[in-house]
Structure formats: C-alpha cells, structure tokens
Amino acid sequence: MLGAGTPDGSAVGSALRLLRLLLLFAVTALAEIVGCYLPWLVIKHGKPLWLLLPAAVSLGAFAWLLTLHPTAAGRTYAAYGGVYIAVAIGWLWAAEGIRPSRWDVIGSLIALTGMAIIMLSARG
C-alpha cells in the first residue's frame, strides 16, 4: 500500500476511506450504545422489560457490524474505541440532554485522531 493506506496513495482516496470508516464505526457504536442503554433504563429507571428485546437485537447488530471492519480484530477494536468515545459524548447530548464540556470535546477529538492514526497508517 502506498501513502496513507489507500491503493493509489491519493489524498482523496484517504479521505473517502476515513469517511467510510468513521461512518461504519459510528453505526457500530450506536448499536452498542442502544444495546446497553435500554437495559440500563430497565434496571435503573424501571422501564418495561420488553426493552430488553430491542437491546438484544441491537447488541447482535453490534457484533455483526464489527465483522464488517476491514482489518484485524484487535486493531479494529482499538480504533473503534476512539469513535465510540466521540459517539458516546454525542449520545450524552442527544439522548440525555447533557451538553458536552470543552474537555469532553477535546478528549473526543484526541480519541478520533488516535483512530485515524491506527486505521490509516501504512502497513508493511
């Protein structure tokens, strides 16, 4: 591989690859968050037990989505963690109504930078 992990080494190819990875990681993170958040609502707030069914489906989708990632499992999990952090901070704001702090945003950006380094670096 040439350049930043794309077959042709182009900046456009790298940007598109990063965008696809971010989208796949974000969807994966949402599946995991929903799969964990629904049982949390049942246990912590006494919400209906039927919420455990969509939670199980969501966690199953999360596991399946992890198989779609283009690299070794360990590298995928490491890079996924960076996107998970950013998506979880977004969830904090969107679902729980808590505005992220400046430090939440800075930490998320650092985590996303780590994901990009892991996933886009040339392998030799």
C-alpha atoms as a PDB file:
ATOM      1  CA  MET A   1       0.000   0.000   0.000  1.00  0.00           C
ATOM      2  CA  LEU A   2       1.077   3.496  -0.762  1.00  0.00           C
ATOM      3  CA  GLY A   3       0.539   6.739   1.066  1.00  0.00           C
ATOM      4  CA  ALA A   4      -1.979   6.840   3.848  1.00  0.00           C
ATOM      5  CA  GLY A   5      -3.331   3.346   3.445  1.00  0.00           C
ATOM      6  CA  THR A   6      -5.051   3.623   0.068  1.00  0.00           C
ATOM      7  CA  PRO A   7      -4.099   1.583  -3.007  1.00  0.00           C
ATOM      8  CA  ASP A   8      -3.244   4.691  -5.029  1.00  0.00           C
ATOM      9  CA  GLY A   9      -1.974   6.802  -2.106  1.00  0.00           C
ATOM     10  CA  SER A  10      -4.169   9.771  -3.075  1.00  0.00           C
ATOM     11  CA  ALA A  11      -5.442  12.297  -0.565  1.00  0.00           C
ATOM     12  CA  VAL A  12      -8.995  11.919  -1.931  1.00  0.00           C
ATOM     13  CA  GLY A  13      -8.820   8.149  -1.551  1.00  0.00           C
ATOM     14  CA  SER A  14      -7.568   8.534   2.026  1.00  0.00           C
ATOM     15  CA  ALA A  15     -10.336  10.999   2.866  1.00  0.00           C
ATOM     16  CA  LEU A  16     -13.022   8.705   1.425  1.00  0.00           C
ATOM     17  CA  ARG A  17     -11.596   5.719   3.273  1.00  0.00           C
ATOM     18  CA  LEU A  18     -11.582   7.679   6.537  1.00  0.00           C
ATOM     19  CA  LEU A  19     -15.173   8.819   5.953  1.00  0.00           C
ATOM     20  CA  ARG A  20     -16.333   5.230   5.288  1.00  0.00           C
ATOM     21  CA  LEU A  21     -14.511   4.001   8.398  1.00  0.00           C
ATOM     22  CA  LEU A  22     -15.962   6.765  10.555  1.00  0.00           C
ATOM     23  CA  LEU A  23     -19.479   6.014   9.325  1.00  0.00           C
ATOM     24  CA  LEU A  24     -19.116   2.275   9.929  1.00  0.00           C
ATOM     25  CA  PHE A  25     -17.585   2.855  13.356  1.00  0.00           C
ATOM     26  CA  ALA A  26     -20.331   5.371  14.257  1.00  0.00           C
ATOM     27  CA  VAL A  27     -23.122   2.952  13.291  1.00  0.00           C
ATOM     28  CA  THR A  28     -21.333   0.208  15.241  1.00  0.00           C
ATOM     29  CA  ALA A  29     -21.054   2.477  18.277  1.00  0.00           C
ATOM     30  CA  LEU A  30     -24.732   3.427  18.117  1.00  0.00           C
ATOM     31  CA  ALA A  31     -25.716  -0.238  18.027  1.00  0.00           C
ATOM     32  CA  GLU A  32     -23.599  -0.908  21.110  1.00  0.00           C
ATOM     33  CA  ILE A  33     -24.836   2.158  22.984  1.00  0.00           C
ATOM     34  CA  VAL A  34     -28.504   1.387  22.289  1.00  0.00           C
ATOM     35  CA  GLY A  35     -27.934  -2.248  23.252  1.00  0.00           C
ATOM     36  CA  CYS A  36     -26.528  -1.173  26.610  1.00  0.00           C
ATOM     37  CA  TYR A  37     -28.688   1.897  27.239  1.00  0.00           C
ATOM     38  CA  LEU A  38     -32.010   0.075  27.023  1.00  0.00           C
ATOM     39  CA  PRO A  39     -31.168  -2.461  29.778  1.00  0.00           C
ATOM     40  CA  TRP A  40     -29.810   0.442  31.833  1.00  0.00           C
ATOM     41  CA  LEU A  41     -33.224   2.117  31.527  1.00  0.00           C
ATOM     42  CA  VAL A  42     -34.946  -1.110  32.599  1.00  0.00           C
ATOM     43  CA  ILE A  43     -32.686  -1.623  35.619  1.00  0.00           C
ATOM     44  CA  LYS A  44     -32.083   1.964  36.699  1.00  0.00           C
ATOM     45  CA  HIS A  45     -35.424   3.577  35.872  1.00  0.00           C
ATOM     46  CA  GLY A  46     -37.873   0.677  35.953  1.00  0.00           C
ATOM     47  CA  LYS A  47     -38.735   0.889  32.260  1.00  0.00           C
ATOM     48  CA  PRO A  48     -40.670  -2.037  30.678  1.00  0.00           C
ATOM     49  CA  LEU A  49     -38.918  -5.384  30.351  1.00  0.00           C
ATOM     50  CA  TRP A  50     -39.805  -5.597  26.644  1.00  0.00           C
ATOM     51  CA  LEU A  51     -36.990  -3.050  26.041  1.00  0.00           C
ATOM     52  CA  LEU A  52     -34.593  -5.944  26.557  1.00  0.00           C
ATOM     53  CA  LEU A  53     -35.681  -7.416  23.194  1.00  0.00           C
ATOM     54  CA  PRO A  54     -34.547  -4.471  21.032  1.00  0.00           C
ATOM     55  CA  ALA A  55     -31.472  -4.253  23.248  1.00  0.00           C
ATOM     56  CA  ALA A  56     -30.561  -7.843  22.374  1.00  0.00           C
ATOM     57  CA  VAL A  57     -31.154  -7.179  18.661  1.00  0.00           C
ATOM     58  CA  SER A  58     -29.007  -4.066  18.862  1.00  0.00           C
ATOM     59  CA  LEU A  59     -26.150  -5.935  20.557  1.00  0.00           C
ATOM     60  CA  GLY A  60     -26.404  -8.668  17.930  1.00  0.00           C
ATOM     61  CA  ALA A  61     -26.164  -5.994  15.225  1.00  0.00           C
ATOM     62  CA  PHE A  62     -23.172  -4.511  17.041  1.00  0.00           C
ATOM     63  CA  ALA A  63     -21.327  -7.847  16.961  1.00  0.00           C
ATOM     64  CA  TRP A  64     -22.170  -8.339  13.281  1.00  0.00           C
ATOM     65  CA  LEU A  65     -21.081  -4.796  12.383  1.00  0.00           C
ATOM     66  CA  LEU A  66     -17.688  -5.440  13.971  1.00  0.00           C
ATOM     67  CA  THR A  67     -17.140  -8.214  11.421  1.00  0.00           C
ATOM     68  CA  LEU A  68     -17.514  -5.715   8.567  1.00  0.00           C
ATOM     69  CA  HIS A  69     -14.444  -3.729   9.558  1.00  0.00           C
ATOM     70  CA  PRO A  70     -11.529  -4.097   7.156  1.00  0.00           C
ATOM     71  CA  THR A  71      -8.655  -5.088   9.410  1.00  0.00           C
ATOM     72  CA  ALA A  72      -7.566  -7.442  12.185  1.00  0.00           C
ATOM     73  CA  ALA A  73      -9.936  -7.684  15.139  1.00  0.00           C
ATOM     74  CA  GLY A  74      -7.505  -6.240  17.689  1.00  0.00           C
ATOM     75  CA  ARG A  75      -6.737  -3.215  15.514  1.00  0.00           C
ATOM     76  CA  THR A  76     -10.436  -2.752  14.783  1.00  0.00           C
ATOM     77  CA  TYR A  77     -11.332  -2.813  18.487  1.00  0.00           C
ATOM     78  CA  ALA A  78      -8.548  -0.354  19.332  1.00  0.00           C
ATOM     79  CA  ALA A  79      -9.570   2.109  16.627  1.00  0.00           C
ATOM     80  CA  TYR A  80     -13.285   1.597  17.325  1.00  0.00           C
ATOM     81  CA  GLY A  81     -12.703   2.752  20.890  1.00  0.00           C
ATOM     82  CA  GLY A  82     -11.821   6.215  19.632  1.00  0.00           C
ATOM     83  CA  VAL A  83     -15.030   6.562  17.661  1.00  0.00           C
ATOM     84  CA  TYR A  84     -17.062   5.034  20.496  1.00  0.00           C
ATOM     85  CA  ILE A  85     -15.848   7.811  22.799  1.00  0.00           C
ATOM     86  CA  ALA A  86     -16.988  10.514  20.378  1.00  0.00           C
ATOM     87  CA  VAL A  87     -20.354   8.854  19.700  1.00  0.00           C
ATOM     88  CA  ALA A  88     -20.948   8.335  23.428  1.00  0.00           C
ATOM     89  CA  ILE A  89     -20.340  12.037  24.042  1.00  0.00           C
ATOM     90  CA  GLY A  90     -22.818  12.804  21.252  1.00  0.00           C
ATOM     91  CA  TRP A  91     -25.295  10.407  22.891  1.00  0.00           C
ATOM     92  CA  LEU A  92     -24.821  12.244  26.190  1.00  0.00           C
ATOM     93  CA  TRP A  93     -26.055  15.398  24.499  1.00  0.00           C
ATOM     94  CA  ALA A  94     -28.696  13.976  22.142  1.00  0.00           C
ATOM     95  CA  ALA A  95     -30.304  11.314  24.353  1.00  0.00           C
ATOM     96  CA  GLU A  96     -29.601  12.525  27.855  1.00  0.00           C
ATOM     97  CA  GLY A  97     -29.753  16.268  27.279  1.00  0.00           C
ATOM     98  CA  ILE A  98     -26.360  16.951  28.867  1.00  0.00           C
ATOM     99  CA  ARG A  99     -24.238  19.387  26.878  1.00  0.00           C
ATOM    100  CA  PRO A 100     -20.665  18.129  26.499  1.00  0.00           C
ATOM    101  CA  SER A 101     -17.964  20.161  28.188  1.00  0.00           C
ATOM    102  CA  ARG A 102     -14.986  21.602  26.366  1.00  0.00           C
ATOM    103  CA  TRP A 103     -12.950  18.722  27.834  1.00  0.00           C
ATOM    104  CA  ASP A 104     -15.423  16.150  26.512  1.00  0.00           C
ATOM    105  CA  VAL A 105     -14.980  17.608  23.024  1.00  0.00           C
ATOM    106  CA  ILE A 106     -11.180  17.823  23.295  1.00  0.00           C
ATOM    107  CA  GLY A 107     -10.982  14.240  24.565  1.00  0.00           C
ATOM    108  CA  SER A 108     -13.220  13.062  21.726  1.00  0.00           C
ATOM    109  CA  LEU A 109     -11.045  14.804  19.142  1.00  0.00           C
ATOM    110  CA  ILE A 110      -7.923  13.213  20.607  1.00  0.00           C
ATOM    111  CA  ALA A 111      -9.600   9.792  20.514  1.00  0.00           C
ATOM    112  CA  LEU A 112     -10.660  10.315  16.880  1.00  0.00           C
ATOM    113  CA  THR A 113      -7.098  11.299  15.995  1.00  0.00           C
ATOM    114  CA  GLY A 114      -5.909   8.035  17.528  1.00  0.00           C
ATOM    115  CA  MET A 115      -8.452   6.103  15.464  1.00  0.00           C
ATOM    116  CA  ALA A 116      -7.256   7.779  12.275  1.00  0.00           C
ATOM    117  CA  ILE A 117      -3.620   7.005  13.059  1.00  0.00           C
ATOM    118  CA  ILE A 118      -4.401   3.357  13.751  1.00  0.00           C
ATOM    119  CA  MET A 119      -6.650   2.782  10.752  1.00  0.00           C
ATOM    120  CA  LEU A 120      -4.925   4.872   8.086  1.00  0.00           C
ATOM    121  CA  SER A 121      -1.291   4.111   8.731  1.00  0.00           C
ATOM    122  CA  ALA A 122       0.510   2.162   6.029  1.00  0.00           C
ATOM    123  CA  ARG A 123       1.232  -1.440   6.938  1.00  0.00           C
ATOM    124  CA  GLY A 124       4.411  -3.068   5.789  1.00  0.00           C
END
